[in-house]
Amino acid sequence: MRNIGLEQRPRLTARIERWPFKKPFRITGYEWTESEVLVVEARVGEACGRGEALGVYYHNDEPESGRRQIEALAERLEGGANVDELV
């Protein structure tokens, strides 16, 4: 395991955004006018990566549960865990 300085540890942030649709989206009797989107940013020094994810409605998979999981990982990363220790 390699020790890295605090300035080189990844910083994760996660938030939920609402993205409106131009037109309603309809499928299998449901209609949406917007989506809740989980937005995650990972920063190391000046570098930043960003990703977005949506849940799967028919599996009761919601962005909020993903946000909680990311925040738990963020605490471990900021505490010094490396990527290999997270899997």
PDB file of N, CA and C in Angstrom:
ATOM      1  N   MET A   1       0.848  -1.178   0.000  1.00  0.00           N
ATOM      2  CA  MET A   1       0.000   0.000   0.000  1.00  0.00           C
ATOM      3  C   MET A   1       0.888   1.233   0.000  1.00  0.00           C
ATOM      4  N   ARG A   2       0.549   2.174  -0.823  1.00  0.00           N
ATOM      5  CA  ARG A   2       1.317   3.401  -0.975  1.00  0.00           C
ATOM      6  C   ARG A   2       0.665   4.505  -0.157  1.00  0.00           C
ATOM      7  N   ASN A   3       1.455   5.204   0.650  1.00  0.00           N
ATOM      8  CA  ASN A   3       0.939   6.341   1.400  1.00  0.00           C
ATOM      9  C   ASN A   3       1.039   7.588   0.542  1.00  0.00           C
ATOM     10  N   ILE A   4      -0.043   8.357   0.518  1.00  0.00           N
ATOM     11  CA  ILE A   4      -0.029   9.599  -0.237  1.00  0.00           C
ATOM     12  C   ILE A   4      -0.400  10.741   0.693  1.00  0.00           C
ATOM     13  N   GLY A   5       0.035  11.934   0.341  1.00  0.00           N
ATOM     14  CA  GLY A   5      -0.263  13.105   1.154  1.00  0.00           C
ATOM     15  C   GLY A   5      -1.731  13.467   1.095  1.00  0.00           C
ATOM     16  N   LEU A   6      -2.173  14.247   2.070  1.00  0.00           N
ATOM     17  CA  LEU A   6      -3.575  14.662   2.119  1.00  0.00           C
ATOM     18  C   LEU A   6      -4.016  15.366   0.840  1.00  0.00           C
ATOM     19  N   GLU A   7      -3.127  16.166   0.234  1.00  0.00           N
ATOM     20  CA  GLU A   7      -3.507  16.905  -0.976  1.00  0.00           C
ATOM     21  C   GLU A   7      -3.729  15.982  -2.163  1.00  0.00           C
ATOM     22  N   GLN A   8      -3.259  14.741  -2.101  1.00  0.00           N
ATOM     23  CA  GLN A   8      -3.420  13.802  -3.205  1.00  0.00           C
ATOM     24  C   GLN A   8      -4.544  12.798  -2.967  1.00  0.00           C
ATOM     25  N   ARG A   9      -5.205  12.862  -1.843  1.00  0.00           N
ATOM     26  CA  ARG A   9      -6.317  11.944  -1.590  1.00  0.00           C
ATOM     27  C   ARG A   9      -7.536  12.397  -2.381  1.00  0.00           C
ATOM     28  N   PRO A  10      -8.239  11.444  -2.965  1.00  0.00           N
ATOM     29  CA  PRO A  10      -9.463  11.801  -3.714  1.00  0.00           C
ATOM     30  C   PRO A  10     -10.511  12.397  -2.782  1.00  0.00           C
ATOM     31  N   ARG A  11     -11.235  13.343  -3.285  1.00  0.00           N
ATOM     32  CA  ARG A  11     -12.366  13.935  -2.581  1.00  0.00           C
ATOM     33  C   ARG A  11     -13.603  13.666  -3.424  1.00  0.00           C
ATOM     34  N   LEU A  12     -14.572  12.996  -2.839  1.00  0.00           N
ATOM     35  CA  LEU A  12     -15.820  12.698  -3.544  1.00  0.00           C
ATOM     36  C   LEU A  12     -16.926  13.580  -3.014  1.00  0.00           C
ATOM     37  N   THR A  13     -17.735  14.104  -3.920  1.00  0.00           N
ATOM     38  CA  THR A  13     -18.958  14.796  -3.531  1.00  0.00           C
ATOM     39  C   THR A  13     -20.107  14.197  -4.326  1.00  0.00           C
ATOM     40  N   ALA A  14     -21.261  14.144  -3.715  1.00  0.00           N
ATOM     41  CA  ALA A  14     -22.444  13.582  -4.383  1.00  0.00           C
ATOM     42  C   ALA A  14     -23.635  14.473  -4.063  1.00  0.00           C
ATOM     43  N   ARG A  15     -24.433  14.723  -5.081  1.00  0.00           N
ATOM     44  CA  ARG A  15     -25.634  15.524  -4.888  1.00  0.00           C
ATOM     45  C   ARG A  15     -26.725  15.026  -5.843  1.00  0.00           C
ATOM     46  N   ILE A  16     -27.938  15.348  -5.500  1.00  0.00           N
ATOM     47  CA  ILE A  16     -29.085  15.002  -6.340  1.00  0.00           C
ATOM     48  C   ILE A  16     -29.535  16.273  -7.061  1.00  0.00           C
ATOM     49  N   GLU A  17     -29.687  16.177  -8.384  1.00  0.00           N
ATOM     50  CA  GLU A  17     -30.204  17.284  -9.181  1.00  0.00           C
ATOM     51  C   GLU A  17     -31.485  16.824  -9.871  1.00  0.00           C
ATOM     52  N   ARG A  18     -32.329  17.767 -10.176  1.00  0.00           N
ATOM     53  CA  ARG A  18     -33.547  17.487 -10.957  1.00  0.00           C
ATOM     54  C   ARG A  18     -33.344  18.061 -12.353  1.00  0.00           C
ATOM     55  N   TRP A  19     -33.409  17.163 -13.339  1.00  0.00           N
ATOM     56  CA  TRP A  19     -33.211  17.572 -14.731  1.00  0.00           C
ATOM     57  C   TRP A  19     -34.558  17.492 -15.447  1.00  0.00           C
ATOM     58  N   PRO A  20     -35.104  18.635 -15.861  1.00  0.00           N
ATOM     59  CA  PRO A  20     -36.399  18.616 -16.552  1.00  0.00           C
ATOM     60  C   PRO A  20     -36.264  18.104 -17.989  1.00  0.00           C
ATOM     61  N   PHE A  21     -37.321  17.467 -18.471  1.00  0.00           N
ATOM     62  CA  PHE A  21     -37.380  17.005 -19.848  1.00  0.00           C
ATOM     63  C   PHE A  21     -38.041  18.089 -20.713  1.00  0.00           C
ATOM     64  N   LYS A  22     -37.684  18.139 -21.979  1.00  0.00           N
ATOM     65  CA  LYS A  22     -38.350  19.061 -22.898  1.00  0.00           C
ATOM     66  C   LYS A  22     -39.797  18.649 -23.101  1.00  0.00           C
ATOM     67  N   LYS A  23     -40.023  17.326 -23.162  1.00  0.00           N
ATOM     68  CA  LYS A  23     -41.363  16.769 -23.313  1.00  0.00           C
ATOM     69  C   LYS A  23     -41.513  15.654 -22.294  1.00  0.00           C
ATOM     70  N   PRO A  24     -42.723  15.379 -21.841  1.00  0.00           N
ATOM     71  CA  PRO A  24     -42.915  14.252 -20.920  1.00  0.00           C
ATOM     72  C   PRO A  24     -42.463  12.937 -21.542  1.00  0.00           C
ATOM     73  N   PHE A  25     -41.909  12.073 -20.705  1.00  0.00           N
ATOM     74  CA  PHE A  25     -41.477  10.740 -21.123  1.00  0.00           C
ATOM     75  C   PHE A  25     -42.496   9.750 -20.589  1.00  0.00           C
ATOM     76  N   ARG A  26     -43.034   8.906 -21.473  1.00  0.00           N
ATOM     77  CA  ARG A  26     -44.066   7.944 -21.074  1.00  0.00           C
ATOM     78  C   ARG A  26     -43.630   6.537 -21.437  1.00  0.00           C
ATOM     79  N   ILE A  27     -43.844   5.618 -20.479  1.00  0.00           N
ATOM     80  CA  ILE A  27     -43.566   4.200 -20.729  1.00  0.00           C
ATOM     81  C   ILE A  27     -44.347   3.370 -19.710  1.00  0.00           C
ATOM     82  N   THR A  28     -44.914   2.271 -20.170  1.00  0.00           N
ATOM     83  CA  THR A  28     -45.661   1.303 -19.341  1.00  0.00           C
ATOM     84  C   THR A  28     -46.589   1.969 -18.328  1.00  0.00           C
ATOM     85  N   GLY A  29     -47.334   2.972 -18.782  1.00  0.00           N
ATOM     86  CA  GLY A  29     -48.315   3.608 -17.922  1.00  0.00           C
ATOM     87  C   GLY A  29     -47.760   4.664 -16.983  1.00  0.00           C
ATOM     88  N   TYR A  30     -46.489   4.953 -17.053  1.00  0.00           N
ATOM     89  CA  TYR A  30     -45.875   5.981 -16.214  1.00  0.00           C
ATOM     90  C   TYR A  30     -45.526   7.183 -17.078  1.00  0.00           C
ATOM     91  N   GLU A  31     -45.484   8.341 -16.442  1.00  0.00           N
ATOM     92  CA  GLU A  31     -45.074   9.554 -17.138  1.00  0.00           C
ATOM     93  C   GLU A  31     -44.148  10.363 -16.242  1.00  0.00           C
ATOM     94  N   TRP A  32     -43.060  10.859 -16.836  1.00  0.00           N
ATOM     95  CA  TRP A  32     -42.105  11.691 -16.113  1.00  0.00           C
ATOM     96  C   TRP A  32     -41.936  13.013 -16.852  1.00  0.00           C
ATOM     97  N   THR A  33     -41.787  14.075 -16.085  1.00  0.00           N
ATOM     98  CA  THR A  33     -41.482  15.390 -16.659  1.00  0.00           C
ATOM     99  C   THR A  33     -40.073  15.841 -16.272  1.00  0.00           C
ATOM    100  N   GLU A  34     -39.444  15.085 -15.382  1.00  0.00           N
ATOM    101  CA  GLU A  34     -38.077  15.357 -14.954  1.00  0.00           C
ATOM    102  C   GLU A  34     -37.472  14.082 -14.386  1.00  0.00           C
ATOM    103  N   SER A  35     -36.168  14.080 -14.233  1.00  0.00           N
ATOM    104  CA  SER A  35     -35.477  12.949 -13.610  1.00  0.00           C
ATOM    105  C   SER A  35     -34.659  13.441 -12.432  1.00  0.00           C
ATOM    106  N   GLU A  36     -34.621  12.639 -11.386  1.00  0.00           N
ATOM    107  CA  GLU A  36     -33.674  12.863 -10.302  1.00  0.00           C
ATOM    108  C   GLU A  36     -32.374  12.198 -10.711  1.00  0.00           C
ATOM    109  N   VAL A  37     -31.292  12.947 -10.679  1.00  0.00           N
ATOM    110  CA  VAL A  37     -30.008  12.465 -11.155  1.00  0.00           C
ATOM    111  C   VAL A  37     -28.982  12.578 -10.038  1.00  0.00           C
ATOM    112  N   LEU A  38     -28.247  11.496  -9.807  1.00  0.00           N
ATOM    113  CA  LEU A  38     -27.133  11.508  -8.868  1.00  0.00           C
ATOM    114  C   LEU A  38     -25.915  12.023  -9.622  1.00  0.00           C
ATOM    115  N   VAL A  39     -25.332  13.107  -9.139  1.00  0.00           N
ATOM    116  CA  VAL A  39     -24.143  13.700  -9.753  1.00  0.00           C
ATOM    117  C   VAL A  39     -22.990  13.528  -8.774  1.00  0.00           C
ATOM    118  N   VAL A  40     -21.923  12.886  -9.232  1.00  0.00           N
ATOM    119  CA  VAL A  40     -20.758  12.613  -8.391  1.00  0.00           C
ATOM    120  C   VAL A  40     -19.539  13.269  -9.012  1.00  0.00           C
ATOM    121  N   GLU A  41     -18.756  13.936  -8.171  1.00  0.00           N
ATOM    122  CA  GLU A  41     -17.488  14.505  -8.617  1.00  0.00           C
ATOM    123  C   GLU A  41     -16.368  13.927  -7.768  1.00  0.00           C
ATOM    124  N   ALA A  42     -15.278  13.580  -8.430  1.00  0.00           N
ATOM    125  CA  ALA A  42     -14.077  13.086  -7.754  1.00  0.00           C
ATOM    126  C   ALA A  42     -12.954  14.051  -8.082  1.00  0.00           C
ATOM    127  N   ARG A  43     -12.307  14.562  -7.051  1.00  0.00           N
ATOM    128  CA  ARG A  43     -11.209  15.507  -7.239  1.00  0.00           C
ATOM    129  C   ARG A  43      -9.945  14.986  -6.583  1.00  0.00           C
ATOM    130  N   VAL A  44      -8.839  15.171  -7.304  1.00  0.00           N
ATOM    131  CA  VAL A  44      -7.503  14.921  -6.763  1.00  0.00           C
ATOM    132  C   VAL A  44      -6.663  16.104  -7.218  1.00  0.00           C
ATOM    133  N   GLY A  45      -6.269  16.926  -6.268  1.00  0.00           N
ATOM    134  CA  GLY A  45      -5.545  18.129  -6.640  1.00  0.00           C
ATOM    135  C   GLY A  45      -6.399  18.991  -7.544  1.00  0.00           C
ATOM    136  N   GLU A  46      -5.851  19.369  -8.698  1.00  0.00           N
ATOM    137  CA  GLU A  46      -6.573  20.204  -9.659  1.00  0.00           C
ATOM    138  C   GLU A  46      -7.484  19.393 -10.587  1.00  0.00           C
ATOM    139  N   ALA A  47      -7.280  18.083 -10.649  1.00  0.00           N
ATOM    140  CA  ALA A  47      -8.053  17.234 -11.565  1.00  0.00           C
ATOM    141  C   ALA A  47      -9.438  16.939 -10.998  1.00  0.00           C
ATOM    142  N   CYS A  48     -10.426  16.888 -11.887  1.00  0.00           N
ATOM    143  CA  CYS A  48     -11.797  16.600 -11.469  1.00  0.00           C
ATOM    144  C   CYS A  48     -12.464  15.710 -12.508  1.00  0.00           C
ATOM    145  N   GLY A  49     -13.134  14.661 -12.043  1.00  0.00           N
ATOM    146  CA  GLY A  49     -13.944  13.815 -12.902  1.00  0.00           C
ATOM    147  C   GLY A  49     -15.383  13.888 -12.435  1.00  0.00           C
ATOM    148  N   ARG A  50     -16.318  13.693 -13.337  1.00  0.00           N
ATOM    149  CA  ARG A  50     -17.727  13.819 -12.997  1.00  0.00           C
ATOM    150  C   ARG A  50     -18.509  12.704 -13.663  1.00  0.00           C
ATOM    151  N   GLY A  51     -19.515  12.199 -12.958  1.00  0.00           N
ATOM    152  CA  GLY A  51     -20.394  11.188 -13.521  1.00  0.00           C
ATOM    153  C   GLY A  51     -21.815  11.404 -13.045  1.00  0.00           C
ATOM    154  N   GLU A  52     -22.749  10.894 -13.811  1.00  0.00           N
ATOM    155  CA  GLU A  52     -24.164  10.996 -13.455  1.00  0.00           C
ATOM    156  C   GLU A  52     -24.798   9.614 -13.515  1.00  0.00           C
ATOM    157  N   ALA A  53     -25.809   9.403 -12.683  1.00  0.00           N
ATOM    158  CA  ALA A  53     -26.527   8.130 -12.671  1.00  0.00           C
ATOM    159  C   ALA A  53     -27.981   8.360 -12.297  1.00  0.00           C
ATOM    160  N   LEU A  54     -28.836   7.537 -12.859  1.00  0.00           N
ATOM    161  CA  LEU A  54     -30.256   7.547 -12.523  1.00  0.00           C
ATOM    162  C   LEU A  54     -30.612   6.183 -11.950  1.00  0.00           C
ATOM    163  N   GLY A  55     -31.630   6.131 -11.157  1.00  0.00           N
ATOM    164  CA  GLY A  55     -32.091   4.854 -10.641  1.00  0.00           C
ATOM    165  C   GLY A  55     -32.957   4.139 -11.675  1.00  0.00           C
ATOM    166  N   VAL A  56     -33.321   2.909 -11.348  1.00  0.00           N
ATOM    167  CA  VAL A  56     -34.213   2.115 -12.194  1.00  0.00           C
ATOM    168  C   VAL A  56     -35.542   2.008 -11.446  1.00  0.00           C
ATOM    169  N   TYR A  57     -36.566   2.698 -11.956  1.00  0.00           N
ATOM    170  CA  TYR A  57     -37.819   2.825 -11.208  1.00  0.00           C
ATOM    171  C   TYR A  57     -38.447   1.485 -10.858  1.00  0.00           C
ATOM    172  N   TYR A  58     -38.384   0.494 -11.744  1.00  0.00           N
ATOM    173  CA  TYR A  58     -39.054  -0.777 -11.476  1.00  0.00           C
ATOM    174  C   TYR A  58     -38.264  -1.685 -10.533  1.00  0.00           C
ATOM    175  N   HIS A  59     -37.092  -1.242 -10.109  1.00  0.00           N
ATOM    176  CA  HIS A  59     -36.326  -1.953  -9.069  1.00  0.00           C
ATOM    177  C   HIS A  59     -36.288  -1.151  -7.766  1.00  0.00           C
ATOM    178  N   ASN A  60     -37.077  -0.076  -7.697  1.00  0.00           N
ATOM    179  CA  ASN A  60     -37.053   0.832  -6.549  1.00  0.00           C
ATOM    180  C   ASN A  60     -35.636   1.311  -6.244  1.00  0.00           C
ATOM    181  N   ASP A  61     -34.850   1.482  -7.285  1.00  0.00           N
ATOM    182  CA  ASP A  61     -33.472   1.950  -7.192  1.00  0.00           C
ATOM    183  C   ASP A  61     -33.490   3.459  -7.387  1.00  0.00           C
ATOM    184  N   GLU A  62     -33.162   4.207  -6.342  1.00  0.00           N
ATOM    185  CA  GLU A  62     -33.274   5.659  -6.405  1.00  0.00           C
ATOM    186  C   GLU A  62     -31.917   6.324  -6.230  1.00  0.00           C
ATOM    187  N   PRO A  63     -31.719   7.483  -6.834  1.00  0.00           N
ATOM    188  CA  PRO A  63     -30.448   8.193  -6.698  1.00  0.00           C
ATOM    189  C   PRO A  63     -30.064   8.474  -5.245  1.00  0.00           C
ATOM    190  N   GLU A  64     -31.024   8.654  -4.380  1.00  0.00           N
ATOM    191  CA  GLU A  64     -30.709   8.940  -2.972  1.00  0.00           C
ATOM    192  C   GLU A  64     -29.929   7.805  -2.316  1.00  0.00           C
ATOM    193  N   SER A  65     -30.264   6.554  -2.614  1.00  0.00           N
ATOM    194  CA  SER A  65     -29.508   5.445  -2.027  1.00  0.00           C
ATOM    195  C   SER A  65     -28.083   5.424  -2.574  1.00  0.00           C
ATOM    196  N   GLY A  66     -27.903   5.783  -3.844  1.00  0.00           N
ATOM    197  CA  GLY A  66     -26.568   5.886  -4.412  1.00  0.00           C
ATOM    198  C   GLY A  66     -25.760   6.995  -3.753  1.00  0.00           C
ATOM    199  N   ARG A  67     -26.425   8.114  -3.454  1.00  0.00           N
ATOM    200  CA  ARG A  67     -25.748   9.223  -2.780  1.00  0.00           C
ATOM    201  C   ARG A  67     -25.227   8.796  -1.417  1.00  0.00           C
ATOM    202  N   ARG A  68     -26.031   8.058  -0.687  1.00  0.00           N
ATOM    203  CA  ARG A  68     -25.591   7.580   0.643  1.00  0.00           C
ATOM    204  C   ARG A  68     -24.391   6.645   0.512  1.00  0.00           C
ATOM    205  N   GLN A  69     -24.402   5.777  -0.485  1.00  0.00           N
ATOM    206  CA  GLN A  69     -23.269   4.865  -0.692  1.00  0.00           C
ATOM    207  C   GLN A  69     -22.003   5.630  -1.052  1.00  0.00           C
ATOM    208  N   ILE A  70     -22.121   6.630  -1.910  1.00  0.00           N
ATOM    209  CA  ILE A  70     -20.964   7.434  -2.300  1.00  0.00           C
ATOM    210  C   ILE A  70     -20.422   8.191  -1.089  1.00  0.00           C
ATOM    211  N   GLU A  71     -21.298   8.744  -0.276  1.00  0.00           N
ATOM    212  CA  GLU A  71     -20.838   9.480   0.899  1.00  0.00           C
ATOM    213  C   GLU A  71     -20.103   8.571   1.878  1.00  0.00           C
ATOM    214  N   ALA A  72     -20.534   7.321   2.008  1.00  0.00           N
ATOM    215  CA  ALA A  72     -19.820   6.368   2.864  1.00  0.00           C
ATOM    216  C   ALA A  72     -18.433   6.082   2.300  1.00  0.00           C
ATOM    217  N   LEU A  73     -18.324   5.932   0.979  1.00  0.00           N
ATOM    218  CA  LEU A  73     -17.018   5.733   0.352  1.00  0.00           C
ATOM    219  C   LEU A  73     -16.137   6.962   0.519  1.00  0.00           C
ATOM    220  N   ALA A  74     -16.735   8.143   0.408  1.00  0.00           N
ATOM    221  CA  ALA A  74     -15.968   9.384   0.534  1.00  0.00           C
ATOM    222  C   ALA A  74     -15.308   9.462   1.907  1.00  0.00           C
ATOM    223  N   GLU A  75     -16.036   9.096   2.948  1.00  0.00           N
ATOM    224  CA  GLU A  75     -15.466   9.114   4.298  1.00  0.00           C
ATOM    225  C   GLU A  75     -14.258   8.183   4.388  1.00  0.00           C
ATOM    226  N   ARG A  76     -14.373   7.006   3.793  1.00  0.00           N
ATOM    227  CA  ARG A  76     -13.258   6.047   3.836  1.00  0.00           C
ATOM    228  C   ARG A  76     -12.060   6.550   3.034  1.00  0.00           C
ATOM    229  N   LEU A  77     -12.318   7.117   1.850  1.00  0.00           N
ATOM    230  CA  LEU A  77     -11.224   7.650   1.035  1.00  0.00           C
ATOM    231  C   LEU A  77     -10.514   8.805   1.733  1.00  0.00           C
ATOM    232  N   GLU A  78     -11.290   9.712   2.289  1.00  0.00           N
ATOM    233  CA  GLU A  78     -10.703  10.859   2.967  1.00  0.00           C
ATOM    234  C   GLU A  78      -9.981  10.438   4.237  1.00  0.00           C
ATOM    235  N   GLY A  79     -10.360   9.274   4.774  1.00  0.00           N
ATOM    236  CA  GLY A  79      -9.675   8.733   5.942  1.00  0.00           C
ATOM    237  C   GLY A  79      -8.384   8.003   5.589  1.00  0.00           C
ATOM    238  N   GLY A  80      -8.096   7.856   4.297  1.00  0.00           N
ATOM    239  CA  GLY A  80      -6.842   7.271   3.881  1.00  0.00           C
ATOM    240  C   GLY A  80      -6.939   5.932   3.177  1.00  0.00           C
ATOM    241  N   ALA A  81      -8.138   5.371   3.034  1.00  0.00           N
ATOM    242  CA  ALA A  81      -8.276   4.094   2.318  1.00  0.00           C
ATOM    243  C   ALA A  81      -7.921   4.291   0.857  1.00  0.00           C
ATOM    244  N   ASN A  82      -7.309   3.270   0.266  1.00  0.00           N
ATOM    245  CA  ASN A  82      -7.024   3.368  -1.171  1.00  0.00           C
ATOM    246  C   ASN A  82      -8.085   2.579  -1.938  1.00  0.00           C
ATOM    247  N   VAL A  83      -8.066   2.701  -3.240  1.00  0.00           N
ATOM    248  CA  VAL A  83      -9.095   2.091  -4.083  1.00  0.00           C
ATOM    249  C   VAL A  83      -9.159   0.581  -3.880  1.00  0.00           C
ATOM    250  N   ASP A  84      -8.000  -0.081  -3.748  1.00  0.00           N
ATOM    251  CA  ASP A  84      -7.989  -1.515  -3.551  1.00  0.00           C
ATOM    252  C   ASP A  84      -8.702  -1.940  -2.264  1.00  0.00           C
ATOM    253  N   GLU A  85      -8.693  -1.082  -1.255  1.00  0.00           N
ATOM    254  CA  GLU A  85      -9.334  -1.407   0.014  1.00  0.00           C
ATOM    255  C   GLU A  85     -10.833  -1.195  -0.029  1.00  0.00           C
ATOM    256  N   LEU A  86     -11.335  -0.536  -1.047  1.00  0.00           N
ATOM    257  CA  LEU A  86     -12.763  -0.262  -1.138  1.00  0.00           C
ATOM    258  C   LEU A  86     -13.552  -1.373  -1.814  1.00  0.00           C
ATOM    259  N   VAL A  87     -12.858  -2.251  -2.560  1.00  0.00           N
ATOM    260  CA  VAL A  87     -13.578  -3.309  -3.285  1.00  0.00           C
ATOM    261  C   VAL A  87     -13.688  -4.562  -2.462  1.00  0.00           C
TER     262      VAL A  87
END
